[in-house]
Amino acid sequence: MDNIMQVGMYYNNRDVRVEEMPIPRIGPGELLVKVKASGICGSDLMEWYRVKKAPLVLGHEITGEIVELGKGVENYKEGERVFVSHHVPCNTCRYCLGGQHTVCETLQRTNYDPGGFAQYVRVPGINVDRGVFRLPDEISDEEGTLIEPLACVVRGQRLAPVKPAKSLLVIGSGISGLLHIRLAKGLGAGRIIAVDIDRCRLKAAKEFGADATINGQEEDVPKQVRKINDGRLADLVIICTTSLSAFMQGLQSVDKGGTILLFAPTELGVDLPLPANDFWRKSIRLIFSYGAGPLDIATAIELLRFKRVELKEMITHRLSLEQIGLGFRLAAEAGECIKVIIKPN
């Protein structure tokens, strides 16, 4: 094996370069994984957050093949297809023991080396121990890149929770919103309404299970929700965009006794004005969901394995590593693009 590999080095959303770096050398308890597919996540496009750490190799939605085992690794073998989780919890802190794995300090520190937009990644021992999942034959390398984003959605809908026959409003119909729509449909949610300002995304929302759509730029969202939902606002509102106007639409569109799930952060430095007295009087619950824990990942794999959710149609662009700059531009511009995956090898 040549000791040099290609990577997609991120400088900003409009400048992602193909560069060379040494293939990582693994130590005891570690794995070397050849990356087969790596998805571009919406969080990769959060330039205000990424630029301050640039240049770096991004990518955390990967599938690959184990090509080398570190000393002492006994549970895996070369040639196995795997999904590798970039963040893993300690499983022993008070947060993990309380079921809040995503706020574990270990989870927020861990990662593989150098990132998924590379031909090879080194998987540290802690990730090998609790973040490597064998990829079932029923899941392709490409579809496996959706395990991590689906797991995040699984966690959010578990916390909310999504309930059968209860109405759902999803604001933001990018990949996260579409995953929420598809999973909620499979879980038996009632009327599902999708909001976006992009007509292509609204069309995709209908294709993936929304019963109705609203253009958030051209229509009065709460008014339209009432019109669609038999005079009522939504039982559950899931916000999947950083736009402040979208957050405000969500706050105004939840029914009494309902829940708002903030699945995305606001833009940097933006505080959300909250009608606390109104929510108190109406018993409205406001919850947040960041990331995914091991149970959510395992659940996502089984959902894909047994075709309880079909996601492969969400992959609209498959590009080589040499085209990663184009991939970031397509993902940032949205339009007809839903999910871009990079195939480094």
Foldseek 3Di string as FASTA:
>chain_A
DDQKWWFFWDQALLDTAIDIDGQDDEAALKWKWFWFKFWDDPVVNLRVPPNVVPGAGETFLTKTFTQDHHHPDDPDDGGFIKTFGFFAAPCPDPCNVVVNRVVHPRRVPGGWPGYNRIRMIMGDNVRSVQTIGGADPLADRHNSSCLFLLLLLLVLCVVQPADAQFEEEEEDQFQSSLSNQLVSVLRHHHAYEYEEQAPLSQVVSVVRHHPYYDHLVPDLLQVVCCVVVVNFFGQEYEYDDQDLSSVVSRLSRHGQLHEYEDADHHRPPDDHDHPVVVCVVSVYYYYYTDTHHSVSSVVSSVCSSVVSGDDPVQADEEEESNCVSVVSVCSVVPHNHRMYMYGDD
